[in-house]
Amino acid sequence: MSDIKADVFLDITNLVCPMTFVKAKATMEDMEVGQIIEIRMNEGEPIQNVPRSLKEEGHEILKVINNNDGTYTIFVKKGGQ
């Protein structure tokens, strides 16, 4: 599916905005700079907002995958502030 090895996996398909970003941000705060998180989320608002918000926080979006089941998986590298 992907050649990227994630250090952390987070499934936020059971959450709605803005909690999707809040949970992703909180999880990333516990990670080390340079680590990679794999986040699975629903289509619609989450995939539109979470990657953009994480990028604005200084993180790097490495890959976005459409799972073709109403969800997406994104890989994000934690940036340093």
Protein backbone atom coordinates (compact mmCIF):
# COMPACT_ATOMS: atom_id res chain seq x y z
CA MET A 1 0.00 0.00 0.00
CA SER A 2 2.73 2.46 0.91
CA ASP A 3 6.50 2.38 1.07
CA ILE A 4 6.51 4.81 4.01
CA LYS A 5 7.12 3.32 7.46
CA ALA A 6 5.08 5.09 10.12
CA ASP A 7 6.19 5.31 13.74
CA VAL A 8 2.65 5.99 14.98
CA PHE A 9 -0.82 5.05 13.66
CA LEU A 10 -3.94 7.08 14.43
CA ASP A 11 -7.49 6.30 13.31
CA ILE A 12 -9.80 9.32 13.53
CA THR A 13 -12.62 7.94 11.40
CA ASN A 14 -14.90 7.93 14.46
CA LEU A 15 -14.40 11.67 15.10
CA VAL A 16 -15.86 14.80 13.51
CA CYS A 17 -14.29 18.22 12.95
CA PRO A 18 -12.82 19.96 14.84
CA MET A 19 -11.96 16.95 17.03
CA THR A 20 -10.20 15.26 14.10
CA PHE A 21 -7.49 17.94 14.07
CA VAL A 22 -7.41 18.25 17.88
CA LYS A 23 -6.73 14.50 18.25
CA ALA A 24 -4.11 14.51 15.46
CA LYS A 25 -2.33 17.53 16.94
CA ALA A 26 -2.39 16.07 20.48
CA THR A 27 -0.97 12.75 19.25
CA MET A 28 1.79 14.51 17.30
CA GLU A 29 2.79 16.55 20.37
CA ASP A 30 3.96 13.30 22.00
CA MET A 31 6.12 12.39 18.98
CA GLU A 32 9.75 13.26 18.30
CA VAL A 33 10.72 15.66 15.49
CA GLY A 34 11.21 13.64 12.30
CA GLN A 35 8.91 10.80 13.29
CA ILE A 36 6.13 9.83 10.89
CA ILE A 37 2.46 9.36 11.75
CA GLU A 38 -0.06 7.51 9.62
CA ILE A 39 -3.53 8.97 10.07
CA ARG A 40 -6.71 7.37 8.72
CA MET A 41 -9.66 9.73 8.34
CA ASN A 42 -12.98 10.11 6.57
CA GLU A 43 -13.49 11.92 3.30
CA GLY A 44 -15.10 15.36 3.35
CA GLU A 45 -14.18 17.86 6.05
CA PRO A 46 -11.42 15.78 7.70
CA ILE A 47 -9.37 15.21 4.53
CA GLN A 48 -9.92 18.83 3.50
CA ASN A 49 -8.95 20.35 6.84
CA VAL A 50 -6.59 18.08 8.79
CA PRO A 51 -3.69 17.96 6.27
CA ARG A 52 -3.88 21.73 5.71
CA SER A 53 -3.95 22.45 9.44
CA LEU A 54 -1.03 20.13 10.15
CA LYS A 55 0.99 21.77 7.35
CA GLU A 56 0.22 25.18 8.88
CA GLU A 57 1.59 23.82 12.18
CA GLY A 58 4.93 23.16 10.45
CA HIS A 59 4.58 19.46 9.65
CA GLU A 60 5.24 17.87 6.25
CA ILE A 61 2.54 15.93 4.42
CA LEU A 62 4.44 13.04 2.80
CA LYS A 63 1.62 11.16 1.10
CA VAL A 64 -2.17 11.11 0.78
CA ILE A 65 -3.88 7.85 -0.19
CA ASN A 66 -7.53 7.48 -1.19
CA ASN A 67 -8.56 4.12 0.26
CA ASN A 68 -11.62 4.02 -2.03
CA ASP A 69 -13.88 3.17 0.91
CA GLY A 70 -14.82 6.66 2.04
CA THR A 71 -11.57 7.09 3.97
CA TYR A 72 -8.11 8.47 3.32
CA THR A 73 -4.74 7.70 4.85
CA ILE A 74 -2.16 10.43 5.18
CA PHE A 75 1.47 10.19 6.22
CA VAL A 76 2.86 13.19 8.07
CA LYS A 77 6.42 13.89 9.19
CA LYS A 78 6.64 15.89 12.41
CA GLY A 79 8.39 19.19 11.92
CA GLY A 80 10.49 21.07 14.42
CA GLN A 81 9.41 24.40 15.87
